[in-house]
């Protein structure tokens, strides 16, 4: 199971996301010593989970909830500690930037997955739930590899999410691309997410179903 600060994006991915942005000199030189204390608040996501684990602190320790609840995002303090452990040399000031980005990107990915899941039966059991996740930025998906051959920039990260659809496991892949920056707000990070079912019997059915639906 995932550790207490877990959510669908790990510390390595967070570092990759942050590296997409050129930090200002002020931000880059700010140290934890002269920066306000890191926040400890953890935001509850909109992403339902399948397991009853202690790490899901949406519920109080010792309580016996009827449902597993939702995944809960790490706090600024947890982000900083996790990246420090992975030797990513994080800056305390950056946590104010990367935490909201991390949460928003996760929510966007889940929104895209819910669109894919519409009409495939999960509504019978309260909707899809996220069972597990993993990341491997060094492994290109077949689609990303072909796009790279055609001259497109490769994704800077890749994640695999397993969704529980009323007991049936459905695997999804997510490619993270750097988006176009807004010239009016160059300091803001921009991402494009390519979310789709993995190539499998179920995945092919879903992809064909969406393609047919778009032409009907």
C-alpha atoms as a PDB file:
ATOM      1  CA  UNK A   1       0.000   0.000   0.000  1.00  0.00           C
ATOM      2  CA  UNK A   2       1.047   3.595  -0.482  1.00  0.00           C
ATOM      3  CA  UNK A   3       2.675   5.554   2.379  1.00  0.00           C
ATOM      4  CA  UNK A   4       0.876   8.189   4.396  1.00  0.00           C
ATOM      5  CA  UNK A   5       1.739  11.052   2.052  1.00  0.00           C
ATOM      6  CA  UNK A   6       0.654   9.070  -0.991  1.00  0.00           C
ATOM      7  CA  UNK A   7      -1.658  10.308  -3.676  1.00  0.00           C
ATOM      8  CA  UNK A   8      -1.762   9.584  -7.412  1.00  0.00           C
ATOM      9  CA  UNK A   9       1.491  11.452  -8.057  1.00  0.00           C
ATOM     10  CA  UNK A  10       4.770  10.622  -6.321  1.00  0.00           C
ATOM     11  CA  UNK A  11       7.657  12.838  -5.232  1.00  0.00           C
ATOM     12  CA  UNK A  12       9.699  12.111  -8.369  1.00  0.00           C
ATOM     13  CA  UNK A  13       6.839  13.331 -10.546  1.00  0.00           C
ATOM     14  CA  UNK A  14       6.443  16.437  -8.409  1.00  0.00           C
ATOM     15  CA  UNK A  15      10.096  17.284  -9.008  1.00  0.00           C
ATOM     16  CA  UNK A  16       9.636  16.779 -12.749  1.00  0.00           C
ATOM     17  CA  UNK A  17       6.623  19.072 -12.788  1.00  0.00           C
ATOM     18  CA  UNK A  18       8.476  21.762 -10.882  1.00  0.00           C
ATOM     19  CA  UNK A  19      11.441  21.473 -13.261  1.00  0.00           C
ATOM     20  CA  UNK A  20       9.140  22.532 -16.110  1.00  0.00           C
ATOM     21  CA  UNK A  21       9.101  26.022 -14.678  1.00  0.00           C
ATOM     22  CA  UNK A  22      12.047  28.419 -14.563  1.00  0.00           C
ATOM     23  CA  UNK A  23      11.996  29.722 -11.023  1.00  0.00           C
ATOM     24  CA  UNK A  24      12.836  33.329 -10.291  1.00  0.00           C
ATOM     25  CA  UNK A  25      16.069  34.200  -8.534  1.00  0.00           C
ATOM     26  CA  UNK A  26      14.152  35.218  -5.440  1.00  0.00           C
ATOM     27  CA  UNK A  27      12.338  31.905  -5.228  1.00  0.00           C
ATOM     28  CA  UNK A  28      15.413  29.852  -6.004  1.00  0.00           C
ATOM     29  CA  UNK A  29      17.465  31.421  -3.249  1.00  0.00           C
ATOM     30  CA  UNK A  30      14.802  31.372  -0.553  1.00  0.00           C
ATOM     31  CA  UNK A  31      15.643  28.895   2.168  1.00  0.00           C
ATOM     32  CA  UNK A  32      13.385  27.221   4.753  1.00  0.00           C
ATOM     33  CA  UNK A  33      15.044  29.305   7.459  1.00  0.00           C
ATOM     34  CA  UNK A  34      13.663  32.616   6.175  1.00  0.00           C
ATOM     35  CA  UNK A  35      10.437  31.269   4.723  1.00  0.00           C
ATOM     36  CA  UNK A  36       7.112  30.981   6.574  1.00  0.00           C
ATOM     37  CA  UNK A  37       6.487  27.536   8.083  1.00  0.00           C
ATOM     38  CA  UNK A  38       5.263  24.943   5.599  1.00  0.00           C
ATOM     39  CA  UNK A  39       1.554  24.214   5.740  1.00  0.00           C
ATOM     40  CA  UNK A  40       0.275  21.023   7.343  1.00  0.00           C
ATOM     41  CA  UNK A  41      -3.273  21.144   5.924  1.00  0.00           C
ATOM     42  CA  UNK A  42      -4.193  18.185   3.701  1.00  0.00           C
ATOM     43  CA  UNK A  43      -6.844  18.684   1.041  1.00  0.00           C
ATOM     44  CA  UNK A  44      -9.332  15.885   0.459  1.00  0.00           C
ATOM     45  CA  UNK A  45      -9.540  15.005  -3.231  1.00  0.00           C
ATOM     46  CA  UNK A  46     -12.647  14.161  -5.223  1.00  0.00           C
ATOM     47  CA  UNK A  47     -11.109  10.776  -6.079  1.00  0.00           C
ATOM     48  CA  UNK A  48     -12.770   7.819  -4.299  1.00  0.00           C
ATOM     49  CA  UNK A  49     -10.525   5.028  -3.100  1.00  0.00           C
ATOM     50  CA  UNK A  50     -11.221   1.344  -2.626  1.00  0.00           C
ATOM     51  CA  UNK A  51      -9.244   0.366   0.473  1.00  0.00           C
ATOM     52  CA  UNK A  52      -9.741   1.059   4.177  1.00  0.00           C
ATOM     53  CA  UNK A  53      -6.208   2.102   5.149  1.00  0.00           C
ATOM     54  CA  UNK A  54      -4.917   4.218   8.012  1.00  0.00           C
ATOM     55  CA  UNK A  55      -3.191   6.517   5.533  1.00  0.00           C
ATOM     56  CA  UNK A  56      -6.589   7.771   4.401  1.00  0.00           C
ATOM     57  CA  UNK A  57      -6.730  10.381   7.147  1.00  0.00           C
ATOM     58  CA  UNK A  58     -10.028  11.704   5.864  1.00  0.00           C
ATOM     59  CA  UNK A  59     -11.265   9.461   8.685  1.00  0.00           C
ATOM     60  CA  UNK A  60     -10.148   9.808  12.282  1.00  0.00           C
ATOM     61  CA  UNK A  61      -7.780   7.152  13.661  1.00  0.00           C
ATOM     62  CA  UNK A  62      -9.732   4.405  15.371  1.00  0.00           C
ATOM     63  CA  UNK A  63     -12.961   5.207  13.541  1.00  0.00           C
ATOM     64  CA  UNK A  64     -14.913   2.591  11.611  1.00  0.00           C
ATOM     65  CA  UNK A  65     -16.164   4.351   8.463  1.00  0.00           C
ATOM     66  CA  UNK A  66     -18.752   2.730   6.229  1.00  0.00           C
ATOM     67  CA  UNK A  67     -16.859   3.725   3.080  1.00  0.00           C
ATOM     68  CA  UNK A  68     -13.126   4.110   2.357  1.00  0.00           C
ATOM     69  CA  UNK A  69     -13.608   7.785   1.514  1.00  0.00           C
ATOM     70  CA  UNK A  70     -11.427   9.705  -0.929  1.00  0.00           C
ATOM     71  CA  UNK A  71      -7.712   9.964  -1.513  1.00  0.00           C
ATOM     72  CA  UNK A  72      -6.192  12.781   0.498  1.00  0.00           C
ATOM     73  CA  UNK A  73      -3.400  14.969  -0.841  1.00  0.00           C
ATOM     74  CA  UNK A  74      -0.118  15.575   1.015  1.00  0.00           C
ATOM     75  CA  UNK A  75       0.429  18.858   2.835  1.00  0.00           C
ATOM     76  CA  UNK A  76       3.204  21.309   1.930  1.00  0.00           C
ATOM     77  CA  UNK A  77       5.250  19.847   4.774  1.00  0.00           C
ATOM     78  CA  UNK A  78       4.773  16.289   3.455  1.00  0.00           C
ATOM     79  CA  UNK A  79       5.688  17.344  -0.084  1.00  0.00           C
ATOM     80  CA  UNK A  80       8.891  18.954   1.128  1.00  0.00           C
ATOM     81  CA  UNK A  81       9.877  15.967   3.287  1.00  0.00           C
ATOM     82  CA  UNK A  82       9.136  13.418   0.538  1.00  0.00           C
ATOM     83  CA  UNK A  83      11.164  15.312  -2.068  1.00  0.00           C
ATOM     84  CA  UNK A  84      13.990  15.793   0.428  1.00  0.00           C
ATOM     85  CA  UNK A  85      14.130  12.038   1.033  1.00  0.00           C
ATOM     86  CA  UNK A  86      14.414  11.483  -2.722  1.00  0.00           C
ATOM     87  CA  UNK A  87      17.336  13.941  -2.890  1.00  0.00           C
ATOM     88  CA  UNK A  88      15.503  16.385  -5.154  1.00  0.00           C
ATOM     89  CA  UNK A  89      16.835  19.444  -3.276  1.00  0.00           C
ATOM     90  CA  UNK A  90      13.410  21.090  -2.849  1.00  0.00           C
ATOM     91  CA  UNK A  91      12.963  24.727  -1.887  1.00  0.00           C
ATOM     92  CA  UNK A  92      10.428  25.499   0.826  1.00  0.00           C
ATOM     93  CA  UNK A  93       9.053  28.460  -1.139  1.00  0.00           C
ATOM     94  CA  UNK A  94       8.306  26.201  -4.111  1.00  0.00           C
ATOM     95  CA  UNK A  95       5.799  24.186  -2.082  1.00  0.00           C
ATOM     96  CA  UNK A  96       3.309  27.043  -2.295  1.00  0.00           C
ATOM     97  CA  UNK A  97       3.460  26.654  -6.077  1.00  0.00           C
ATOM     98  CA  UNK A  98       3.675  22.914  -6.592  1.00  0.00           C
ATOM     99  CA  UNK A  99       1.021  21.757  -4.084  1.00  0.00           C
ATOM    100  CA  UNK A 100      -1.951  23.455  -5.794  1.00  0.00           C
ATOM    101  CA  UNK A 101      -0.607  22.399  -9.209  1.00  0.00           C
ATOM    102  CA  UNK A 102      -0.257  18.801  -8.066  1.00  0.00           C
ATOM    103  CA  UNK A 103      -3.807  18.729  -6.717  1.00  0.00           C
ATOM    104  CA  UNK A 104      -5.319  20.417  -9.773  1.00  0.00           C
ATOM    105  CA  UNK A 105      -3.558  18.050 -12.206  1.00  0.00           C
ATOM    106  CA  UNK A 106      -4.792  15.013 -10.255  1.00  0.00           C
ATOM    107  CA  UNK A 107      -8.340  16.355 -10.340  1.00  0.00           C
ATOM    108  CA  UNK A 108      -8.095  16.956 -14.083  1.00  0.00           C
ATOM    109  CA  UNK A 109      -6.822  13.408 -14.661  1.00  0.00           C
ATOM    110  CA  UNK A 110      -9.690  11.963 -12.636  1.00  0.00           C
ATOM    111  CA  UNK A 111     -12.204  14.096 -14.515  1.00  0.00           C
ATOM    112  CA  UNK A 112     -10.929  12.643 -17.798  1.00  0.00           C
ATOM    113  CA  UNK A 113     -11.129   9.104 -16.425  1.00  0.00           C
ATOM    114  CA  UNK A 114     -14.725   9.650 -15.316  1.00  0.00           C
ATOM    115  CA  UNK A 115     -15.568  10.747 -18.866  1.00  0.00           C
ATOM    116  CA  UNK A 116     -14.133   7.489 -20.167  1.00  0.00           C
ATOM    117  CA  UNK A 117     -16.077   5.509 -17.563  1.00  0.00           C
ATOM    118  CA  UNK A 118     -19.458   7.010 -18.441  1.00  0.00           C
ATOM    119  CA  UNK A 119     -21.839   4.341 -19.728  1.00  0.00           C
ATOM    120  CA  UNK A 120     -19.673   1.352 -18.766  1.00  0.00           C
ATOM    121  CA  UNK A 121     -21.574   0.341 -15.643  1.00  0.00           C
ATOM    122  CA  UNK A 122     -19.805   2.003 -12.727  1.00  0.00           C
ATOM    123  CA  UNK A 123     -22.902   4.061 -11.954  1.00  0.00           C
ATOM    124  CA  UNK A 124     -24.438   0.869 -10.519  1.00  0.00           C
ATOM    125  CA  UNK A 125     -22.035   0.951  -7.566  1.00  0.00           C
ATOM    126  CA  UNK A 126     -21.584   4.656  -6.961  1.00  0.00           C
ATOM    127  CA  UNK A 127     -19.085   5.395  -9.729  1.00  0.00           C
ATOM    128  CA  UNK A 128     -15.480   4.420 -10.452  1.00  0.00           C
ATOM    129  CA  UNK A 129     -12.826   4.377  -7.721  1.00  0.00           C
ATOM    130  CA  UNK A 130      -9.067   4.629  -7.879  1.00  0.00           C
ATOM    131  CA  UNK A 131      -7.566   1.353  -6.656  1.00  0.00           C
ATOM    132  CA  UNK A 132      -3.848   1.952  -7.219  1.00  0.00           C
ATOM    133  CA  UNK A 133      -1.320   4.010  -9.138  1.00  0.00           C
ATOM    134  CA  UNK A 134       2.293   4.016 -10.246  1.00  0.00           C
ATOM    135  CA  UNK A 135       4.633   6.225 -12.250  1.00  0.00           C
ATOM    136  CA  UNK A 136       7.497   5.527 -14.642  1.00  0.00           C
ATOM    137  CA  UNK A 137       8.756   8.540 -16.565  1.00  0.00           C
ATOM    138  CA  UNK A 138      11.481   6.457 -18.239  1.00  0.00           C
ATOM    139  CA  UNK A 139       8.987   4.181 -20.032  1.00  0.00           C
ATOM    140  CA  UNK A 140       7.246   5.692 -23.042  1.00  0.00           C
ATOM    141  CA  UNK A 141       3.779   4.510 -23.980  1.00  0.00           C
ATOM    142  CA  UNK A 142       3.389   3.211 -27.575  1.00  0.00           C
ATOM    143  CA  UNK A 143       1.440   6.335 -28.531  1.00  0.00           C
ATOM    144  CA  UNK A 144       4.048   8.667 -27.026  1.00  0.00           C
ATOM    145  CA  UNK A 145       6.829   6.763 -28.784  1.00  0.00           C
ATOM    146  CA  UNK A 146       5.139   7.105 -32.179  1.00  0.00           C
ATOM    147  CA  UNK A 147       4.518  10.816 -31.607  1.00  0.00           C
ATOM    148  CA  UNK A 148       8.197  11.225 -30.726  1.00  0.00           C
ATOM    149  CA  UNK A 149       9.170   9.516 -33.981  1.00  0.00           C
ATOM    150  CA  UNK A 150       6.968  12.036 -35.802  1.00  0.00           C
ATOM    151  CA  UNK A 151       8.893  14.904 -34.237  1.00  0.00           C
ATOM    152  CA  UNK A 152       6.734  15.793 -31.240  1.00  0.00           C
ATOM    153  CA  UNK A 153       8.221  16.446 -27.823  1.00  0.00           C
ATOM    154  CA  UNK A 154       8.040  13.392 -25.554  1.00  0.00           C
ATOM    155  CA  UNK A 155       5.956  13.533 -22.373  1.00  0.00           C
ATOM    156  CA  UNK A 156       7.967  14.468 -19.297  1.00  0.00           C
ATOM    157  CA  UNK A 157       6.112  11.927 -17.167  1.00  0.00           C
ATOM    158  CA  UNK A 158       3.893   8.855 -17.450  1.00  0.00           C
ATOM    159  CA  UNK A 159       1.512   7.332 -14.885  1.00  0.00           C
ATOM    160  CA  UNK A 160      -0.549   4.165 -14.715  1.00  0.00           C
ATOM    161  CA  UNK A 161      -3.783   4.235 -12.705  1.00  0.00           C
ATOM    162  CA  UNK A 162      -5.930   1.200 -11.940  1.00  0.00           C
ATOM    163  CA  UNK A 163      -9.624   1.977 -11.606  1.00  0.00           C
ATOM    164  CA  UNK A 164     -12.148  -0.222  -9.834  1.00  0.00           C
ATOM    165  CA  UNK A 165     -15.400  -0.462 -11.790  1.00  0.00           C
ATOM    166  CA  UNK A 166     -17.769  -2.338  -9.481  1.00  0.00           C
ATOM    167  CA  UNK A 167     -15.082  -4.939  -8.764  1.00  0.00           C
ATOM    168  CA  UNK A 168     -13.624  -4.994 -12.275  1.00  0.00           C
ATOM    169  CA  UNK A 169     -10.121  -3.554 -12.626  1.00  0.00           C
ATOM    170  CA  UNK A 170      -9.606  -1.221 -15.592  1.00  0.00           C
ATOM    171  CA  UNK A 171      -6.132   0.147 -16.308  1.00  0.00           C
ATOM    172  CA  UNK A 172      -5.481   3.661 -17.568  1.00  0.00           C
ATOM    173  CA  UNK A 173      -2.343   5.397 -18.760  1.00  0.00           C
ATOM    174  CA  UNK A 174      -1.643   9.114 -18.451  1.00  0.00           C
ATOM    175  CA  UNK A 175       1.017  10.980 -20.436  1.00  0.00           C
ATOM    176  CA  UNK A 176       2.007  14.386 -19.059  1.00  0.00           C
ATOM    177  CA  UNK A 177       3.110  16.997 -21.581  1.00  0.00           C
ATOM    178  CA  UNK A 178       4.301  20.552 -21.107  1.00  0.00           C
ATOM    179  CA  UNK A 179       1.678  22.919 -22.444  1.00  0.00           C
ATOM    180  CA  UNK A 180       2.042  26.327 -24.031  1.00  0.00           C
ATOM    181  CA  UNK A 181       2.783  29.093 -21.574  1.00  0.00           C
ATOM    182  CA  UNK A 182       0.554  32.132 -21.364  1.00  0.00           C
ATOM    183  CA  UNK A 183       2.725  35.119 -22.376  1.00  0.00           C
ATOM    184  CA  UNK A 184       0.691  37.246 -19.971  1.00  0.00           C
ATOM    185  CA  UNK A 185       1.447  34.867 -17.106  1.00  0.00           C
ATOM    186  CA  UNK A 186       4.801  33.218 -17.939  1.00  0.00           C
ATOM    187  CA  UNK A 187       5.340  32.178 -14.319  1.00  0.00           C
ATOM    188  CA  UNK A 188       2.412  29.748 -14.424  1.00  0.00           C
ATOM    189  CA  UNK A 189       2.961  26.110 -15.317  1.00  0.00           C
ATOM    190  CA  UNK A 190       0.952  24.642 -18.176  1.00  0.00           C
ATOM    191  CA  UNK A 191       0.242  20.953 -18.686  1.00  0.00           C
ATOM    192  CA  UNK A 192      -1.527  18.769 -21.215  1.00  0.00           C
ATOM    193  CA  UNK A 193      -2.774  15.360 -20.078  1.00  0.00           C
ATOM    194  CA  UNK A 194      -3.389  12.502 -22.500  1.00  0.00           C
ATOM    195  CA  UNK A 195      -5.606  10.129 -20.503  1.00  0.00           C
ATOM    196  CA  UNK A 196      -6.837   6.860 -22.013  1.00  0.00           C
ATOM    197  CA  UNK A 197      -7.500   3.182 -21.216  1.00  0.00           C
ATOM    198  CA  UNK A 198      -4.507   0.903 -21.655  1.00  0.00           C
ATOM    199  CA  UNK A 199      -4.376  -1.372 -24.670  1.00  0.00           C
ATOM    200  CA  UNK A 200      -6.271  -4.475 -23.536  1.00  0.00           C
ATOM    201  CA  UNK A 201      -9.502  -6.200 -24.507  1.00  0.00           C
ATOM    202  CA  UNK A 202     -11.460  -3.781 -22.318  1.00  0.00           C
ATOM    203  CA  UNK A 203      -9.354  -0.802 -23.357  1.00  0.00           C
ATOM    204  CA  UNK A 204      -9.840  -1.476 -27.061  1.00  0.00           C
ATOM    205  CA  UNK A 205     -13.605  -1.828 -26.553  1.00  0.00           C
ATOM    206  CA  UNK A 206     -13.703   1.525 -24.788  1.00  0.00           C
ATOM    207  CA  UNK A 207     -11.565   3.286 -27.376  1.00  0.00           C
ATOM    208  CA  UNK A 208     -13.585   1.914 -30.293  1.00  0.00           C
ATOM    209  CA  UNK A 209     -16.792   2.803 -28.462  1.00  0.00           C
ATOM    210  CA  UNK A 210     -15.689   6.415 -28.060  1.00  0.00           C
ATOM    211  CA  UNK A 211     -14.525   6.629 -31.679  1.00  0.00           C
ATOM    212  CA  UNK A 212     -17.861   5.274 -32.953  1.00  0.00           C
ATOM    213  CA  UNK A 213     -19.754   7.606 -30.639  1.00  0.00           C
ATOM    214  CA  UNK A 214     -17.936  10.615 -32.076  1.00  0.00           C
ATOM    215  CA  UNK A 215     -18.946   9.626 -35.626  1.00  0.00           C
ATOM    216  CA  UNK A 216     -22.547   8.704 -34.954  1.00  0.00           C
END
